[in-house]
Amino acid sequence: MNLLAVLAREAERTGVYLRMLDANAWSRSTRCPPMSVLELAAHTRRAWARIADLLDAGPVDGEPEKDSAAYFRFDRAQVSPQVLARAQADAATHGTGEALLTAWEGLGEVIGRARAALDEADGVYLTILGTMRLSEYVRTRIVEVTVHHMDLRDAFGDPPDPDPEALEITGDVLRALAGTDLRPRGIDDVRFALIGTGRAPLDSDERVILGPRTNLFPLFA
């Protein structure tokens, strides 16, 4: 599976959805309070645009400290306020949805740079949560964009519509965090993404299926 192609597709699908919004829609609230649609969209853009920051800084020496699953094991109480502050600052910088969508057009350049870097070597880069292989970092970007694409659609009452391969990668990361595969038990990856990230509560059947692993949920928020 070509990770960068998957990221490009899901990010572009998100951009297509956002381009359908009218000027009044950007102030709507989301299920990621207190983020508005504009703030959440700015956060989602940052998810893929941050790859450029890593490439600008260049690779570092040494073995990676984290993989794509370990990246999401962090202190939520400490990190969440920082995430919100960055999202709000980014939204304020763009100012309007139209300006944000203009910045979204940089997706192709970021993907192209990442592809060139990966063609040379899967180097180790410093992220805000530790050093990682570039390919593993791209997986985290896929998770971020996929989940937040679902969040943005939810703000308008639209059902999830992720790229199938992006959803599979998201599910793989969540499975690594949960230590189990729930698909044989009838829980598909859309549902797994919702319960795994705290977008939906576990129902009674899922609690029975998960048993002691219930305490792991949400896997990250």
C-alpha atoms as a PDB file:
ATOM      1  CA  MET A   1       0.000   0.000   0.000  1.00  0.00           C
ATOM      2  CA  ASN A   2       1.382   3.397  -1.026  1.00  0.00           C
ATOM      3  CA  LEU A   3       1.038   5.419   2.175  1.00  0.00           C
ATOM      4  CA  LEU A   4       1.529   8.807   0.544  1.00  0.00           C
ATOM      5  CA  ALA A   5      -1.065   8.065  -2.125  1.00  0.00           C
ATOM      6  CA  VAL A   6      -3.513   7.084   0.608  1.00  0.00           C
ATOM      7  CA  LEU A   7      -2.805  10.259   2.587  1.00  0.00           C
ATOM      8  CA  ALA A   8      -3.155  12.392  -0.541  1.00  0.00           C
ATOM      9  CA  ARG A   9      -6.514  10.837  -1.414  1.00  0.00           C
ATOM     10  CA  GLU A  10      -8.020  11.216   2.048  1.00  0.00           C
ATOM     11  CA  ALA A  11      -6.722  14.755   2.485  1.00  0.00           C
ATOM     12  CA  GLU A  12      -8.035  15.734  -0.932  1.00  0.00           C
ATOM     13  CA  ARG A  13     -11.422  14.129  -0.179  1.00  0.00           C
ATOM     14  CA  THR A  14     -11.556  16.227   2.972  1.00  0.00           C
ATOM     15  CA  GLY A  15     -10.735  19.331   0.975  1.00  0.00           C
ATOM     16  CA  VAL A  16     -13.457  18.532  -1.558  1.00  0.00           C
ATOM     17  CA  TYR A  17     -15.975  18.236   1.256  1.00  0.00           C
ATOM     18  CA  LEU A  18     -14.879  21.529   2.796  1.00  0.00           C
ATOM     19  CA  ARG A  19     -15.193  23.296  -0.542  1.00  0.00           C
ATOM     20  CA  MET A  20     -18.922  22.550  -0.514  1.00  0.00           C
ATOM     21  CA  LEU A  21     -19.455  24.605   2.662  1.00  0.00           C
ATOM     22  CA  ASP A  22     -20.915  28.089   2.561  1.00  0.00           C
ATOM     23  CA  ALA A  23     -19.464  31.026   4.433  1.00  0.00           C
ATOM     24  CA  ASN A  24     -21.733  30.550   7.463  1.00  0.00           C
ATOM     25  CA  ALA A  25     -20.867  26.876   7.934  1.00  0.00           C
ATOM     26  CA  TRP A  26     -17.344  27.457   9.206  1.00  0.00           C
ATOM     27  CA  SER A  27     -18.498  28.730  12.590  1.00  0.00           C
ATOM     28  CA  ARG A  28     -20.549  25.617  13.342  1.00  0.00           C
ATOM     29  CA  SER A  29     -19.579  23.607  16.421  1.00  0.00           C
ATOM     30  CA  THR A  30     -18.081  20.115  16.153  1.00  0.00           C
ATOM     31  CA  ARG A  31     -17.873  16.997  18.298  1.00  0.00           C
ATOM     32  CA  CYS A  32     -14.334  18.098  19.176  1.00  0.00           C
ATOM     33  CA  PRO A  33     -15.319  20.916  21.539  1.00  0.00           C
ATOM     34  CA  PRO A  34     -14.654  23.730  21.688  1.00  0.00           C
ATOM     35  CA  MET A  35     -13.375  23.605  18.099  1.00  0.00           C
ATOM     36  CA  SER A  36     -15.489  25.149  15.367  1.00  0.00           C
ATOM     37  CA  VAL A  37     -15.487  23.726  11.858  1.00  0.00           C
ATOM     38  CA  LEU A  38     -12.865  26.305  10.839  1.00  0.00           C
ATOM     39  CA  GLU A  39     -10.641  25.411  13.787  1.00  0.00           C
ATOM     40  CA  LEU A  40     -10.993  21.676  13.215  1.00  0.00           C
ATOM     41  CA  ALA A  41     -10.350  22.089   9.495  1.00  0.00           C
ATOM     42  CA  ALA A  42      -7.230  24.129  10.296  1.00  0.00           C
ATOM     43  CA  HIS A  43      -6.099  21.376  12.667  1.00  0.00           C
ATOM     44  CA  THR A  44      -6.712  18.783   9.941  1.00  0.00           C
ATOM     45  CA  ARG A  45      -4.676  20.773   7.438  1.00  0.00           C
ATOM     46  CA  ARG A  46      -1.849  21.029   9.953  1.00  0.00           C
ATOM     47  CA  ALA A  47      -1.911  17.224  10.238  1.00  0.00           C
ATOM     48  CA  TRP A  48      -0.577  16.782   6.703  1.00  0.00           C
ATOM     49  CA  ALA A  49       1.232  20.117   6.376  1.00  0.00           C
ATOM     50  CA  ARG A  50       3.420  19.270   9.377  1.00  0.00           C
ATOM     51  CA  ILE A  51       5.274  16.764   7.185  1.00  0.00           C
ATOM     52  CA  ALA A  52       6.928  19.753   5.523  1.00  0.00           C
ATOM     53  CA  ASP A  53       8.251  20.910   8.903  1.00  0.00           C
ATOM     54  CA  LEU A  54       9.973  17.552   9.408  1.00  0.00           C
ATOM     55  CA  LEU A  55      11.478  17.626   5.933  1.00  0.00           C
ATOM     56  CA  ASP A  56      12.689  21.197   6.410  1.00  0.00           C
ATOM     57  CA  ALA A  57      14.472  20.187   9.621  1.00  0.00           C
ATOM     58  CA  GLY A  58      15.968  17.103   7.982  1.00  0.00           C
ATOM     59  CA  PRO A  59      16.576  13.592   9.293  1.00  0.00           C
ATOM     60  CA  VAL A  60      18.348  12.897  12.567  1.00  0.00           C
ATOM     61  CA  ASP A  61      20.783  10.196  13.615  1.00  0.00           C
ATOM     62  CA  GLY A  62      19.799   7.226  15.723  1.00  0.00           C
ATOM     63  CA  GLU A  63      17.041   4.676  15.912  1.00  0.00           C
ATOM     64  CA  PRO A  64      13.384   5.795  16.091  1.00  0.00           C
ATOM     65  CA  GLU A  65      11.822   6.150  19.518  1.00  0.00           C
ATOM     66  CA  LYS A  66       8.267   5.513  18.368  1.00  0.00           C
ATOM     67  CA  ASP A  67       6.149   3.837  15.731  1.00  0.00           C
ATOM     68  CA  SER A  68       2.714   4.998  14.558  1.00  0.00           C
ATOM     69  CA  ALA A  69       0.861   3.375  17.456  1.00  0.00           C
ATOM     70  CA  ALA A  70       3.254   4.557  20.172  1.00  0.00           C
ATOM     71  CA  TYR A  71       2.899   8.097  18.805  1.00  0.00           C
ATOM     72  CA  PHE A  72      -0.656   8.178  20.125  1.00  0.00           C
ATOM     73  CA  ARG A  73       0.294   7.093  23.634  1.00  0.00           C
ATOM     74  CA  PHE A  74       0.579  10.470  25.307  1.00  0.00           C
ATOM     75  CA  ASP A  75      -0.694  12.411  28.299  1.00  0.00           C
ATOM     76  CA  ARG A  76      -4.019  13.745  27.002  1.00  0.00           C
ATOM     77  CA  ALA A  77      -4.354  16.277  29.820  1.00  0.00           C
ATOM     78  CA  GLN A  78      -1.015  17.790  28.855  1.00  0.00           C
ATOM     79  CA  VAL A  79      -1.231  17.588  25.071  1.00  0.00           C
ATOM     80  CA  SER A  80      -4.893  18.459  24.388  1.00  0.00           C
ATOM     81  CA  PRO A  81      -4.654  22.135  25.431  1.00  0.00           C
ATOM     82  CA  GLN A  82      -1.643  22.544  23.152  1.00  0.00           C
ATOM     83  CA  VAL A  83      -3.521  20.981  20.243  1.00  0.00           C
ATOM     84  CA  LEU A  84      -6.475  23.294  20.799  1.00  0.00           C
ATOM     85  CA  ALA A  85      -4.264  26.369  21.038  1.00  0.00           C
ATOM     86  CA  ARG A  86      -2.506  25.515  17.773  1.00  0.00           C
ATOM     87  CA  ALA A  87      -5.834  24.878  16.022  1.00  0.00           C
ATOM     88  CA  GLN A  88      -7.250  28.177  17.196  1.00  0.00           C
ATOM     89  CA  ALA A  89      -4.086  30.041  16.215  1.00  0.00           C
ATOM     90  CA  ASP A  90      -4.059  28.430  12.765  1.00  0.00           C
ATOM     91  CA  ALA A  91      -7.735  29.259  12.252  1.00  0.00           C
ATOM     92  CA  ALA A  92      -7.099  32.864  13.259  1.00  0.00           C
ATOM     93  CA  THR A  93      -4.163  33.062  10.846  1.00  0.00           C
ATOM     94  CA  HIS A  94      -6.313  31.894   7.938  1.00  0.00           C
ATOM     95  CA  GLY A  95      -9.279  33.942   9.098  1.00  0.00           C
ATOM     96  CA  THR A  96     -11.815  32.481   6.689  1.00  0.00           C
ATOM     97  CA  GLY A  97     -12.679  29.141   5.178  1.00  0.00           C
ATOM     98  CA  GLU A  98     -11.792  30.489   1.754  1.00  0.00           C
ATOM     99  CA  ALA A  99      -8.280  31.354   2.904  1.00  0.00           C
ATOM    100  CA  LEU A 100      -7.867  27.955   4.535  1.00  0.00           C
ATOM    101  CA  LEU A 101      -8.879  26.211   1.319  1.00  0.00           C
ATOM    102  CA  THR A 102      -6.328  28.257  -0.595  1.00  0.00           C
ATOM    103  CA  ALA A 103      -3.670  26.952   1.805  1.00  0.00           C
ATOM    104  CA  TRP A 104      -5.064  23.425   1.292  1.00  0.00           C
ATOM    105  CA  GLU A 105      -3.798  23.627  -2.277  1.00  0.00           C
ATOM    106  CA  GLY A 106      -0.286  23.043  -0.910  1.00  0.00           C
ATOM    107  CA  LEU A 107      -1.116  19.368  -0.377  1.00  0.00           C
ATOM    108  CA  GLY A 108       0.426  18.234  -3.653  1.00  0.00           C
ATOM    109  CA  GLU A 109       3.741  19.926  -2.929  1.00  0.00           C
ATOM    110  CA  VAL A 110       3.970  18.364   0.548  1.00  0.00           C
ATOM    111  CA  ILE A 111       3.185  14.902  -0.800  1.00  0.00           C
ATOM    112  CA  GLY A 112       5.714  15.327  -3.591  1.00  0.00           C
ATOM    113  CA  ARG A 113       8.464  16.312  -1.163  1.00  0.00           C
ATOM    114  CA  ALA A 114       7.665  13.394   1.122  1.00  0.00           C
ATOM    115  CA  ARG A 115       7.701  10.976  -1.815  1.00  0.00           C
ATOM    116  CA  ALA A 116      11.127  12.209  -2.874  1.00  0.00           C
ATOM    117  CA  ALA A 117      12.420  11.802   0.675  1.00  0.00           C
ATOM    118  CA  LEU A 118      11.038   8.271   0.994  1.00  0.00           C
ATOM    119  CA  ASP A 119      12.434   7.302  -2.405  1.00  0.00           C
ATOM    120  CA  GLU A 120      15.874   8.183  -1.031  1.00  0.00           C
ATOM    121  CA  ALA A 121      15.518   6.587   2.418  1.00  0.00           C
ATOM    122  CA  ASP A 122      12.955   6.014   5.163  1.00  0.00           C
ATOM    123  CA  GLY A 123      14.822   8.357   7.461  1.00  0.00           C
ATOM    124  CA  VAL A 124      14.299   9.123  11.128  1.00  0.00           C
ATOM    125  CA  TYR A 125      12.821  12.531  11.908  1.00  0.00           C
ATOM    126  CA  LEU A 126      12.076  14.458  15.067  1.00  0.00           C
ATOM    127  CA  THR A 127       8.345  14.918  15.673  1.00  0.00           C
ATOM    128  CA  ILE A 128       6.699  16.773  18.555  1.00  0.00           C
ATOM    129  CA  LEU A 129       6.279  13.432  20.341  1.00  0.00           C
ATOM    130  CA  GLY A 130       9.611  11.765  19.619  1.00  0.00           C
ATOM    131  CA  THR A 131      11.710  10.497  16.724  1.00  0.00           C
ATOM    132  CA  MET A 132      10.056   8.308  14.066  1.00  0.00           C
ATOM    133  CA  ARG A 133      10.599   6.798  10.657  1.00  0.00           C
ATOM    134  CA  LEU A 134       9.015   9.024   8.025  1.00  0.00           C
ATOM    135  CA  SER A 135       6.746   6.195   6.858  1.00  0.00           C
ATOM    136  CA  GLU A 136       5.449   5.672  10.402  1.00  0.00           C
ATOM    137  CA  TYR A 137       4.813   9.387  10.753  1.00  0.00           C
ATOM    138  CA  VAL A 138       2.832   9.351   7.510  1.00  0.00           C
ATOM    139  CA  ARG A 139       0.638   6.636   9.048  1.00  0.00           C
ATOM    140  CA  THR A 140      -0.163   8.970  11.949  1.00  0.00           C
ATOM    141  CA  ARG A 141      -1.111  11.682   9.451  1.00  0.00           C
ATOM    142  CA  ILE A 142      -3.489   9.257   7.746  1.00  0.00           C
ATOM    143  CA  VAL A 143      -5.133   8.506  11.088  1.00  0.00           C
ATOM    144  CA  GLU A 144      -5.490  12.195  11.912  1.00  0.00           C
ATOM    145  CA  VAL A 145      -6.967  13.188   8.559  1.00  0.00           C
ATOM    146  CA  THR A 146      -9.288  10.165   8.391  1.00  0.00           C
ATOM    147  CA  VAL A 147     -10.743  10.659  11.855  1.00  0.00           C
ATOM    148  CA  HIS A 148     -11.125  14.417  11.473  1.00  0.00           C
ATOM    149  CA  HIS A 149     -12.711  14.039   8.033  1.00  0.00           C
ATOM    150  CA  MET A 150     -15.339  11.964   9.836  1.00  0.00           C
ATOM    151  CA  ASP A 151     -15.639  14.679  12.509  1.00  0.00           C
ATOM    152  CA  LEU A 152     -16.154  17.419   9.934  1.00  0.00           C
ATOM    153  CA  ARG A 153     -18.860  15.444   8.152  1.00  0.00           C
ATOM    154  CA  ASP A 154     -20.545  14.724  11.482  1.00  0.00           C
ATOM    155  CA  ALA A 155     -20.854  18.469  12.132  1.00  0.00           C
ATOM    156  CA  PHE A 156     -23.329  18.594   9.255  1.00  0.00           C
ATOM    157  CA  GLY A 157     -25.092  15.317   9.931  1.00  0.00           C
ATOM    158  CA  ASP A 158     -23.319  13.457   7.136  1.00  0.00           C
ATOM    159  CA  PRO A 159     -22.216   9.832   7.635  1.00  0.00           C
ATOM    160  CA  PRO A 160     -18.535   8.819   7.581  1.00  0.00           C
ATOM    161  CA  ASP A 161     -17.105   8.399   4.099  1.00  0.00           C
ATOM    162  CA  PRO A 162     -13.378   7.666   4.469  1.00  0.00           C
ATOM    163  CA  ASP A 163     -11.113   6.351   1.757  1.00  0.00           C
ATOM    164  CA  PRO A 164     -11.157   2.544   2.271  1.00  0.00           C
ATOM    165  CA  GLU A 165      -7.373   2.219   2.500  1.00  0.00           C
ATOM    166  CA  ALA A 166      -7.128   5.219   4.816  1.00  0.00           C
ATOM    167  CA  LEU A 167      -9.731   3.598   7.049  1.00  0.00           C
ATOM    168  CA  GLU A 168      -7.809   0.299   7.004  1.00  0.00           C
ATOM    169  CA  ILE A 169      -4.590   2.022   8.077  1.00  0.00           C
ATOM    170  CA  THR A 170      -6.469   3.869  10.802  1.00  0.00           C
ATOM    171  CA  GLY A 171      -7.874   0.560  11.983  1.00  0.00           C
ATOM    172  CA  ASP A 172      -4.419  -1.029  11.962  1.00  0.00           C
ATOM    173  CA  VAL A 173      -3.048   1.692  14.254  1.00  0.00           C
ATOM    174  CA  LEU A 174      -6.021   1.332  16.599  1.00  0.00           C
ATOM    175  CA  ARG A 175      -5.621  -2.452  16.607  1.00  0.00           C
ATOM    176  CA  ALA A 176      -2.004  -2.047  17.652  1.00  0.00           C
ATOM    177  CA  LEU A 177      -3.126   0.205  20.507  1.00  0.00           C
ATOM    178  CA  ALA A 178      -5.936  -2.116  21.588  1.00  0.00           C
ATOM    179  CA  GLY A 179      -3.985  -5.331  21.133  1.00  0.00           C
ATOM    180  CA  THR A 180      -6.926  -6.988  19.417  1.00  0.00           C
ATOM    181  CA  ASP A 181      -8.795  -7.214  16.113  1.00  0.00           C
ATOM    182  CA  LEU A 182     -12.540  -6.731  16.482  1.00  0.00           C
ATOM    183  CA  ARG A 183     -13.462  -7.300  12.841  1.00  0.00           C
ATOM    184  CA  PRO A 184     -14.062 -11.049  13.320  1.00  0.00           C
ATOM    185  CA  ARG A 185     -16.550 -10.080  16.033  1.00  0.00           C
ATOM    186  CA  GLY A 186     -18.572  -7.923  13.663  1.00  0.00           C
ATOM    187  CA  ILE A 187     -17.131  -4.495  14.570  1.00  0.00           C
ATOM    188  CA  ASP A 188     -16.038  -2.781  11.373  1.00  0.00           C
ATOM    189  CA  ASP A 189     -13.348  -0.137  11.136  1.00  0.00           C
ATOM    190  CA  VAL A 190     -15.746   2.821  11.037  1.00  0.00           C
ATOM    191  CA  ARG A 191     -17.237   1.725  14.347  1.00  0.00           C
ATOM    192  CA  PHE A 192     -13.784   0.873  15.682  1.00  0.00           C
ATOM    193  CA  ALA A 193     -12.577   4.379  14.807  1.00  0.00           C
ATOM    194  CA  LEU A 194     -15.544   5.920  16.616  1.00  0.00           C
ATOM    195  CA  ILE A 195     -15.187   3.924  19.824  1.00  0.00           C
ATOM    196  CA  GLY A 196     -11.404   3.846  19.670  1.00  0.00           C
ATOM    197  CA  THR A 197     -11.139   7.628  19.594  1.00  0.00           C
ATOM    198  CA  GLY A 198     -13.969   8.324  22.017  1.00  0.00           C
ATOM    199  CA  ARG A 199     -16.398   9.596  19.391  1.00  0.00           C
ATOM    200  CA  ALA A 200     -18.928   6.981  20.502  1.00  0.00           C
ATOM    201  CA  PRO A 201     -19.330   5.090  23.792  1.00  0.00           C
ATOM    202  CA  LEU A 202     -18.894   1.348  23.988  1.00  0.00           C
ATOM    203  CA  ASP A 203     -22.206  -0.509  24.003  1.00  0.00           C
ATOM    204  CA  SER A 204     -22.901  -3.466  26.274  1.00  0.00           C
ATOM    205  CA  ASP A 205     -22.032  -6.073  23.631  1.00  0.00           C
ATOM    206  CA  GLU A 206     -18.710  -4.378  22.880  1.00  0.00           C
ATOM    207  CA  ARG A 207     -17.861  -4.300  26.566  1.00  0.00           C
ATOM    208  CA  VAL A 208     -18.421  -8.053  26.758  1.00  0.00           C
ATOM    209  CA  ILE A 209     -16.303  -8.638  23.651  1.00  0.00           C
ATOM    210  CA  LEU A 210     -13.470  -6.461  24.925  1.00  0.00           C
ATOM    211  CA  GLY A 211     -13.485  -7.768  28.469  1.00  0.00           C
ATOM    212  CA  PRO A 212     -10.480  -6.399  30.388  1.00  0.00           C
ATOM    213  CA  ARG A 213      -9.487  -4.319  27.350  1.00  0.00           C
ATOM    214  CA  THR A 214     -12.553  -2.133  27.962  1.00  0.00           C
ATOM    215  CA  ASN A 215     -10.373  -0.063  30.282  1.00  0.00           C
ATOM    216  CA  LEU A 216      -8.134   0.888  27.352  1.00  0.00           C
ATOM    217  CA  PHE A 217     -10.955   2.804  25.663  1.00  0.00           C
ATOM    218  CA  PRO A 218     -10.875   5.390  24.351  1.00  0.00           C
ATOM    219  CA  LEU A 219      -7.508   4.448  22.892  1.00  0.00           C
ATOM    220  CA  PHE A 220      -6.857   8.132  22.299  1.00  0.00           C
ATOM    221  CA  ALA A 221      -9.062  11.200  22.122  1.00  0.00           C
END
